[in-house]
């Protein structure tokens, strides 16, 4: 579903870019410049989006095996002795 929405938005942006560029070739108007700029930004954003997708639904942070290890720097901040177990 998400790919279909992205594809439809990409197609719409490309059509808008084509329409604006055709109008710009005939005469310079502000609305066609704005349309071309927005369409170009949309196309670039849609093409770069897959590079920033998270690869998994794992929770953020350290794995649980590291959470059990006592951090000596945090112990020092709390005023505790990090050498004691």
PDB file of N, CA and C in Angstrom:
ATOM      1  N   UNK A   1       0.817  -1.186   0.000  1.00  0.00           N
ATOM      2  CA  UNK A   1       0.000   0.000   0.000  1.00  0.00           C
ATOM      3  C   UNK A   1       0.871   1.264   0.000  1.00  0.00           C
ATOM      4  N   UNK A   2       1.939   1.225   0.812  1.00  0.00           N
ATOM      5  CA  UNK A   2       2.810   2.389   0.905  1.00  0.00           C
ATOM      6  C   UNK A   2       3.553   2.639  -0.403  1.00  0.00           C
ATOM      7  N   UNK A   3       3.965   1.540  -1.067  1.00  0.00           N
ATOM      8  CA  UNK A   3       4.659   1.682  -2.339  1.00  0.00           C
ATOM      9  C   UNK A   3       3.724   2.232  -3.408  1.00  0.00           C
ATOM     10  N   UNK A   4       2.458   1.840  -3.361  1.00  0.00           N
ATOM     11  CA  UNK A   4       1.492   2.345  -4.327  1.00  0.00           C
ATOM     12  C   UNK A   4       1.270   3.840  -4.143  1.00  0.00           C
ATOM     13  N   UNK A   5       1.200   4.283  -2.894  1.00  0.00           N
ATOM     14  CA  UNK A   5       1.034   5.712  -2.629  1.00  0.00           C
ATOM     15  C   UNK A   5       2.262   6.490  -3.098  1.00  0.00           C
ATOM     16  N   UNK A   6       3.436   5.953  -2.832  1.00  0.00           N
ATOM     17  CA  UNK A   6       4.664   6.618  -3.258  1.00  0.00           C
ATOM     18  C   UNK A   6       4.759   6.674  -4.777  1.00  0.00           C
ATOM     19  N   UNK A   7       4.375   5.582  -5.421  1.00  0.00           N
ATOM     20  CA  UNK A   7       4.415   5.545  -6.876  1.00  0.00           C
ATOM     21  C   UNK A   7       3.420   6.532  -7.477  1.00  0.00           C
ATOM     22  N   UNK A   8       2.214   6.600  -6.893  1.00  0.00           N
ATOM     23  CA  UNK A   8       1.214   7.546  -7.385  1.00  0.00           C
ATOM     24  C   UNK A   8       1.679   8.988  -7.176  1.00  0.00           C
ATOM     25  N   UNK A   9       2.275   9.272  -6.021  1.00  0.00           N
ATOM     26  CA  UNK A   9       2.773  10.623  -5.756  1.00  0.00           C
ATOM     27  C   UNK A   9       3.933  10.971  -6.677  1.00  0.00           C
ATOM     28  N   UNK A  10       4.805   9.998  -6.951  1.00  0.00           N
ATOM     29  CA  UNK A  10       5.921  10.214  -7.863  1.00  0.00           C
ATOM     30  C   UNK A  10       5.414  10.495  -9.277  1.00  0.00           C
ATOM     31  N   UNK A  11       4.422   9.739  -9.713  1.00  0.00           N
ATOM     32  CA  UNK A  11       3.849   9.954 -11.037  1.00  0.00           C
ATOM     33  C   UNK A  11       3.185  11.321 -11.136  1.00  0.00           C
ATOM     34  N   UNK A  12       2.457  11.695 -10.106  1.00  0.00           N
ATOM     35  CA  UNK A  12       1.813  13.010 -10.078  1.00  0.00           C
ATOM     36  C   UNK A  12       2.846  14.138 -10.090  1.00  0.00           C
ATOM     37  N   UNK A  13       3.922  13.974  -9.339  1.00  0.00           N
ATOM     38  CA  UNK A  13       4.975  14.991  -9.301  1.00  0.00           C
ATOM     39  C   UNK A  13       5.686  15.104 -10.649  1.00  0.00           C
ATOM     40  N   UNK A  14       5.906  13.978 -11.307  1.00  0.00           N
ATOM     41  CA  UNK A  14       6.543  14.018 -12.622  1.00  0.00           C
ATOM     42  C   UNK A  14       5.645  14.685 -13.661  1.00  0.00           C
ATOM     43  N   UNK A  15       4.345  14.420 -13.586  1.00  0.00           N
ATOM     44  CA  UNK A  15       3.399  15.078 -14.501  1.00  0.00           C
ATOM     45  C   UNK A  15       3.378  16.578 -14.247  1.00  0.00           C
ATOM     46  N   UNK A  16       3.370  16.975 -12.966  1.00  0.00           N
ATOM     47  CA  UNK A  16       3.388  18.403 -12.631  1.00  0.00           C
ATOM     48  C   UNK A  16       4.683  19.055 -13.098  1.00  0.00           C
ATOM     49  N   UNK A  17       5.791  18.353 -12.965  1.00  0.00           N
ATOM     50  CA  UNK A  17       7.072  18.880 -13.429  1.00  0.00           C
ATOM     51  C   UNK A  17       7.085  19.042 -14.949  1.00  0.00           C
ATOM     52  N   UNK A  18       6.540  18.080 -15.657  1.00  0.00           N
ATOM     53  CA  UNK A  18       6.456  18.165 -17.105  1.00  0.00           C
ATOM     54  C   UNK A  18       5.558  19.326 -17.532  1.00  0.00           C
ATOM     55  N   UNK A  19       4.403  19.462 -16.880  1.00  0.00           N
ATOM     56  CA  UNK A  19       3.473  20.539 -17.195  1.00  0.00           C
ATOM     57  C   UNK A  19       4.102  21.909 -16.932  1.00  0.00           C
ATOM     58  N   UNK A  20       4.771  22.035 -15.806  1.00  0.00           N
ATOM     59  CA  UNK A  20       5.401  23.313 -15.469  1.00  0.00           C
ATOM     60  C   UNK A  20       6.550  23.641 -16.411  1.00  0.00           C
ATOM     61  N   UNK A  21       7.320  22.643 -16.789  1.00  0.00           N
ATOM     62  CA  UNK A  21       8.444  22.902 -17.693  1.00  0.00           C
ATOM     63  C   UNK A  21       7.959  23.276 -19.089  1.00  0.00           C
ATOM     64  N   UNK A  22       6.854  22.685 -19.532  1.00  0.00           N
ATOM     65  CA  UNK A  22       6.281  23.076 -20.827  1.00  0.00           C
ATOM     66  C   UNK A  22       5.813  24.523 -20.792  1.00  0.00           C
ATOM     67  N   UNK A  23       5.158  24.910 -19.691  1.00  0.00           N
ATOM     68  CA  UNK A  23       4.686  26.280 -19.590  1.00  0.00           C
ATOM     69  C   UNK A  23       5.850  27.254 -19.468  1.00  0.00           C
ATOM     70  N   UNK A  24       6.906  26.839 -18.764  1.00  0.00           N
ATOM     71  CA  UNK A  24       8.077  27.705 -18.634  1.00  0.00           C
ATOM     72  C   UNK A  24       8.800  27.886 -19.963  1.00  0.00           C
ATOM     73  N   UNK A  25       8.709  26.897 -20.837  1.00  0.00           N
ATOM     74  CA  UNK A  25       9.360  27.043 -22.135  1.00  0.00           C
ATOM     75  C   UNK A  25       8.642  28.063 -23.012  1.00  0.00           C
ATOM     76  N   UNK A  26       7.337  28.249 -22.756  1.00  0.00           N
ATOM     77  CA  UNK A  26       6.570  29.239 -23.521  1.00  0.00           C
ATOM     78  C   UNK A  26       6.721  30.642 -22.937  1.00  0.00           C
ATOM     79  N   UNK A  27       6.480  30.775 -21.630  1.00  0.00           N
ATOM     80  CA  UNK A  27       6.602  32.089 -20.983  1.00  0.00           C
ATOM     81  C   UNK A  27       6.917  31.884 -19.501  1.00  0.00           C
ATOM     82  N   UNK A  28       7.610  32.848 -18.964  1.00  0.00           N
ATOM     83  CA  UNK A  28       8.026  32.787 -17.565  1.00  0.00           C
ATOM     84  C   UNK A  28       6.907  33.322 -16.684  1.00  0.00           C
ATOM     85  N   UNK A  29       6.367  32.456 -15.836  1.00  0.00           N
ATOM     86  CA  UNK A  29       5.324  32.852 -14.895  1.00  0.00           C
ATOM     87  C   UNK A  29       5.675  32.303 -13.514  1.00  0.00           C
ATOM     88  N   UNK A  30       5.230  33.025 -12.499  1.00  0.00           N
ATOM     89  CA  UNK A  30       5.593  32.665 -11.125  1.00  0.00           C
ATOM     90  C   UNK A  30       4.982  31.326 -10.720  1.00  0.00           C
ATOM     91  N   UNK A  31       3.718  31.086 -11.085  1.00  0.00           N
ATOM     92  CA  UNK A  31       3.073  29.850 -10.656  1.00  0.00           C
ATOM     93  C   UNK A  31       3.750  28.622 -11.253  1.00  0.00           C
ATOM     94  N   UNK A  32       4.243  28.736 -12.489  1.00  0.00           N
ATOM     95  CA  UNK A  32       4.901  27.585 -13.095  1.00  0.00           C
ATOM     96  C   UNK A  32       6.281  27.341 -12.481  1.00  0.00           C
ATOM     97  N   UNK A  33       6.950  28.404 -12.063  1.00  0.00           N
ATOM     98  CA  UNK A  33       8.236  28.242 -11.376  1.00  0.00           C
ATOM     99  C   UNK A  33       8.024  27.572 -10.027  1.00  0.00           C
ATOM    100  N   UNK A  34       6.998  28.017  -9.307  1.00  0.00           N
ATOM    101  CA  UNK A  34       6.702  27.421  -7.998  1.00  0.00           C
ATOM    102  C   UNK A  34       6.290  25.963  -8.156  1.00  0.00           C
ATOM    103  N   UNK A  35       5.447  25.676  -9.136  1.00  0.00           N
ATOM    104  CA  UNK A  35       5.017  24.298  -9.379  1.00  0.00           C
ATOM    105  C   UNK A  35       6.203  23.409  -9.744  1.00  0.00           C
ATOM    106  N   UNK A  36       7.087  23.915 -10.584  1.00  0.00           N
ATOM    107  CA  UNK A  36       8.266  23.139 -10.961  1.00  0.00           C
ATOM    108  C   UNK A  36       9.172  22.886  -9.763  1.00  0.00           C
ATOM    109  N   UNK A  37       9.343  23.884  -8.921  1.00  0.00           N
ATOM    110  CA  UNK A  37      10.195  23.734  -7.737  1.00  0.00           C
ATOM    111  C   UNK A  37       9.608  22.724  -6.748  1.00  0.00           C
ATOM    112  N   UNK A  38       8.312  22.825  -6.490  1.00  0.00           N
ATOM    113  CA  UNK A  38       7.664  21.883  -5.563  1.00  0.00           C
ATOM    114  C   UNK A  38       7.692  20.468  -6.124  1.00  0.00           C
ATOM    115  N   UNK A  39       7.431  20.316  -7.415  1.00  0.00           N
ATOM    116  CA  UNK A  39       7.451  18.993  -8.036  1.00  0.00           C
ATOM    117  C   UNK A  39       8.857  18.399  -8.008  1.00  0.00           C
ATOM    118  N   UNK A  40       9.855  19.215  -8.242  1.00  0.00           N
ATOM    119  CA  UNK A  40      11.238  18.726  -8.213  1.00  0.00           C
ATOM    120  C   UNK A  40      11.654  18.297  -6.808  1.00  0.00           C
ATOM    121  N   UNK A  41      11.274  19.080  -5.806  1.00  0.00           N
ATOM    122  CA  UNK A  41      11.574  18.707  -4.419  1.00  0.00           C
ATOM    123  C   UNK A  41      10.865  17.411  -4.041  1.00  0.00           C
ATOM    124  N   UNK A  42       9.618  17.258  -4.485  1.00  0.00           N
ATOM    125  CA  UNK A  42       8.861  16.044  -4.196  1.00  0.00           C
ATOM    126  C   UNK A  42       9.506  14.829  -4.845  1.00  0.00           C
ATOM    127  N   UNK A  43       9.938  14.955  -6.079  1.00  0.00           N
ATOM    128  CA  UNK A  43      10.579  13.835  -6.777  1.00  0.00           C
ATOM    129  C   UNK A  43      11.874  13.440  -6.071  1.00  0.00           C
ATOM    130  N   UNK A  44      12.678  14.416  -5.714  1.00  0.00           N
ATOM    131  CA  UNK A  44      13.939  14.117  -5.025  1.00  0.00           C
ATOM    132  C   UNK A  44      13.683  13.467  -3.670  1.00  0.00           C
ATOM    133  N   UNK A  45      12.694  13.973  -2.929  1.00  0.00           N
ATOM    134  CA  UNK A  45      12.374  13.395  -1.619  1.00  0.00           C
ATOM    135  C   UNK A  45      11.870  11.963  -1.755  1.00  0.00           C
ATOM    136  N   UNK A  46      11.055  11.706  -2.750  1.00  0.00           N
ATOM    137  CA  UNK A  46      10.547  10.345  -2.945  1.00  0.00           C
ATOM    138  C   UNK A  46      11.642   9.383  -3.394  1.00  0.00           C
ATOM    139  N   UNK A  47      12.587   9.886  -4.153  1.00  0.00           N
ATOM    140  CA  UNK A  47      13.676   9.011  -4.587  1.00  0.00           C
ATOM    141  C   UNK A  47      14.682   8.739  -3.475  1.00  0.00           C
ATOM    142  N   UNK A  48      14.821   9.688  -2.543  1.00  0.00           N
ATOM    143  CA  UNK A  48      15.767   9.497  -1.437  1.00  0.00           C
ATOM    144  C   UNK A  48      15.143   8.801  -0.224  1.00  0.00           C
ATOM    145  N   UNK A  49      13.828   8.719  -0.166  1.00  0.00           N
ATOM    146  CA  UNK A  49      13.149   8.133   0.992  1.00  0.00           C
ATOM    147  C   UNK A  49      13.605   6.712   1.321  1.00  0.00           C
ATOM    148  N   UNK A  50      13.789   5.821   0.347  1.00  0.00           N
ATOM    149  CA  UNK A  50      14.217   4.458   0.707  1.00  0.00           C
ATOM    150  C   UNK A  50      15.571   4.392   1.401  1.00  0.00           C
ATOM    151  N   UNK A  51      16.390   5.390   1.247  1.00  0.00           N
ATOM    152  CA  UNK A  51      17.697   5.373   1.902  1.00  0.00           C
ATOM    153  C   UNK A  51      17.601   5.584   3.407  1.00  0.00           C
ATOM    154  N   UNK A  52      16.493   6.141   3.880  1.00  0.00           N
ATOM    155  CA  UNK A  52      16.357   6.480   5.288  1.00  0.00           C
ATOM    156  C   UNK A  52      15.293   5.654   6.008  1.00  0.00           C
ATOM    157  N   UNK A  53      14.878   4.544   5.430  1.00  0.00           N
ATOM    158  CA  UNK A  53      13.872   3.684   6.049  1.00  0.00           C
ATOM    159  C   UNK A  53      14.546   2.818   7.099  1.00  0.00           C
ATOM    160  N   UNK A  54      13.904   2.695   8.249  1.00  0.00           N
ATOM    161  CA  UNK A  54      14.434   1.801   9.288  1.00  0.00           C
ATOM    162  C   UNK A  54      14.283   0.361   8.841  1.00  0.00           C
ATOM    163  N   UNK A  55      15.275  -0.419   9.136  1.00  0.00           N
ATOM    164  CA  UNK A  55      15.314  -1.797   8.646  1.00  0.00           C
ATOM    165  C   UNK A  55      14.614  -2.811   9.536  1.00  0.00           C
ATOM    166  N   UNK A  56      14.220  -2.448  10.719  1.00  0.00           N
ATOM    167  CA  UNK A  56      13.565  -3.409  11.579  1.00  0.00           C
ATOM    168  C   UNK A  56      12.684  -2.743  12.591  1.00  0.00           C
ATOM    169  N   UNK A  57      11.842  -3.542  13.203  1.00  0.00           N
ATOM    170  CA  UNK A  57      10.933  -3.002  14.212  1.00  0.00           C
ATOM    171  C   UNK A  57      11.470  -3.280  15.615  1.00  0.00           C
ATOM    172  N   UNK A  58      12.781  -3.469  15.711  1.00  0.00           N
ATOM    173  CA  UNK A  58      13.369  -3.712  17.036  1.00  0.00           C
ATOM    174  C   UNK A  58      13.312  -2.442  17.859  1.00  0.00           C
ATOM    175  N   UNK A  59      13.300  -2.638  19.166  1.00  0.00           N
ATOM    176  CA  UNK A  59      13.243  -1.462  20.030  1.00  0.00           C
ATOM    177  C   UNK A  59      14.602  -0.770  20.054  1.00  0.00           C
ATOM    178  N   UNK A  60      14.556   0.500  20.294  1.00  0.00           N
ATOM    179  CA  UNK A  60      15.785   1.286  20.295  1.00  0.00           C
ATOM    180  C   UNK A  60      16.567   1.042  21.585  1.00  0.00           C
ATOM    181  N   UNK A  61      17.838   1.323  21.548  1.00  0.00           N
ATOM    182  CA  UNK A  61      18.670   1.194  22.738  1.00  0.00           C
ATOM    183  C   UNK A  61      19.608   0.013  22.647  1.00  0.00           C
ATOM    184  N   UNK A  62      20.248  -0.256  23.744  1.00  0.00           N
ATOM    185  CA  UNK A  62      21.212  -1.345  23.798  1.00  0.00           C
ATOM    186  C   UNK A  62      20.514  -2.683  23.935  1.00  0.00           C
ATOM    187  N   UNK A  63      21.113  -3.753  23.445  1.00  0.00           N
ATOM    188  CA  UNK A  63      20.558  -5.087  23.672  1.00  0.00           C
ATOM    189  C   UNK A  63      20.577  -5.431  25.153  1.00  0.00           C
ATOM    190  N   UNK A  64      19.724  -6.344  25.546  1.00  0.00           N
ATOM    191  CA  UNK A  64      19.556  -6.640  26.966  1.00  0.00           C
ATOM    192  C   UNK A  64      20.823  -7.175  27.623  1.00  0.00           C
ATOM    193  N   UNK A  65      21.688  -7.863  26.903  1.00  0.00           N
ATOM    194  CA  UNK A  65      22.897  -8.392  27.544  1.00  0.00           C
ATOM    195  C   UNK A  65      23.828  -7.267  27.976  1.00  0.00           C
ATOM    196  N   UNK A  66      23.776  -6.141  27.301  1.00  0.00           N
ATOM    197  CA  UNK A  66      24.605  -5.012  27.693  1.00  0.00           C
ATOM    198  C   UNK A  66      23.954  -4.189  28.810  1.00  0.00           C
ATOM    199  N   UNK A  67      22.643  -4.270  28.914  1.00  0.00           N
ATOM    200  CA  UNK A  67      21.967  -3.517  29.960  1.00  0.00           C
ATOM    201  C   UNK A  67      22.280  -4.072  31.348  1.00  0.00           C
ATOM    202  N   UNK A  68      22.642  -5.347  31.405  1.00  0.00           N
ATOM    203  CA  UNK A  68      22.940  -5.961  32.700  1.00  0.00           C
ATOM    204  C   UNK A  68      24.359  -5.647  33.176  1.00  0.00           C
ATOM    205  N   UNK A  69      25.232  -5.194  32.283  1.00  0.00           N
ATOM    206  CA  UNK A  69      26.609  -4.874  32.653  1.00  0.00           C
ATOM    207  C   UNK A  69      26.617  -3.547  33.406  1.00  0.00           C
ATOM    208  N   UNK A  70      27.303  -3.543  34.532  1.00  0.00           N
ATOM    209  CA  UNK A  70      27.374  -2.331  35.347  1.00  0.00           C
ATOM    210  C   UNK A  70      28.336  -1.332  34.714  1.00  0.00           C
ATOM    211  N   UNK A  71      27.878  -0.139  34.523  1.00  0.00           N
ATOM    212  CA  UNK A  71      28.676   0.914  33.912  1.00  0.00           C
ATOM    213  C   UNK A  71      29.468   1.627  35.003  1.00  0.00           C
ATOM    214  N   UNK A  72      30.818   1.579  34.956  1.00  0.00           N
ATOM    215  CA  UNK A  72      31.610   2.212  36.023  1.00  0.00           C
ATOM    216  C   UNK A  72      31.458   3.734  36.053  1.00  0.00           C
ATOM    217  N   UNK A  73      31.233   4.349  34.912  1.00  0.00           N
ATOM    218  CA  UNK A  73      31.106   5.803  34.893  1.00  0.00           C
ATOM    219  C   UNK A  73      29.814   6.251  35.571  1.00  0.00           C
ATOM    220  N   UNK A  74      28.752   5.498  35.368  1.00  0.00           N
ATOM    221  CA  UNK A  74      27.495   5.833  36.045  1.00  0.00           C
ATOM    222  C   UNK A  74      27.607   5.599  37.543  1.00  0.00           C
ATOM    223  N   UNK A  75      28.348   4.551  37.925  1.00  0.00           N
ATOM    224  CA  UNK A  75      28.548   4.294  39.350  1.00  0.00           C
ATOM    225  C   UNK A  75      29.332   5.431  39.990  1.00  0.00           C
ATOM    226  N   UNK A  76      30.347   5.934  39.311  1.00  0.00           N
ATOM    227  CA  UNK A  76      31.118   7.060  39.840  1.00  0.00           C
ATOM    228  C   UNK A  76      30.251   8.314  39.958  1.00  0.00           C
ATOM    229  N   UNK A  77      29.374   8.521  38.985  1.00  0.00           N
ATOM    230  CA  UNK A  77      28.490   9.688  39.061  1.00  0.00           C
ATOM    231  C   UNK A  77      27.548   9.612  40.249  1.00  0.00           C
ATOM    232  N   UNK A  78      27.152   8.386  40.603  1.00  0.00           N
ATOM    233  CA  UNK A  78      26.241   8.216  41.741  1.00  0.00           C
ATOM    234  C   UNK A  78      26.990   8.217  43.072  1.00  0.00           C
ATOM    235  N   UNK A  79      28.312   8.237  43.015  1.00  0.00           N
ATOM    236  CA  UNK A  79      29.090   8.231  44.238  1.00  0.00           C
ATOM    237  C   UNK A  79      29.375   6.831  44.768  1.00  0.00           C
ATOM    238  N   UNK A  80      29.156   5.834  43.928  1.00  0.00           N
ATOM    239  CA  UNK A  80      29.389   4.446  44.340  1.00  0.00           C
ATOM    240  C   UNK A  80      30.787   3.997  43.881  1.00  0.00           C
ATOM    241  N   UNK A  81      31.253   2.892  44.439  1.00  0.00           N
ATOM    242  CA  UNK A  81      32.538   2.336  44.059  1.00  0.00           C
ATOM    243  C   UNK A  81      32.325   1.371  42.891  1.00  0.00           C
ATOM    244  N   UNK A  82      32.877   1.634  41.713  1.00  0.00           N
ATOM    245  CA  UNK A  82      32.625   0.773  40.563  1.00  0.00           C
ATOM    246  C   UNK A  82      33.340  -0.566  40.632  1.00  0.00           C
ATOM    247  N   UNK A  83      34.297  -0.741  41.560  1.00  0.00           N
ATOM    248  CA  UNK A  83      35.020  -1.992  41.651  1.00  0.00           C
ATOM    249  C   UNK A  83      34.282  -3.031  42.474  1.00  0.00           C
ATOM    250  N   UNK A  84      33.273  -2.596  43.232  1.00  0.00           N
ATOM    251  CA  UNK A  84      32.504  -3.545  44.043  1.00  0.00           C
ATOM    252  C   UNK A  84      31.417  -4.183  43.190  1.00  0.00           C
ATOM    253  N   UNK A  85      31.185  -5.457  43.456  1.00  0.00           N
ATOM    254  CA  UNK A  85      30.128  -6.169  42.728  1.00  0.00           C
ATOM    255  C   UNK A  85      28.941  -6.437  43.590  1.00  0.00           C
TER     256      UNK A  85
END
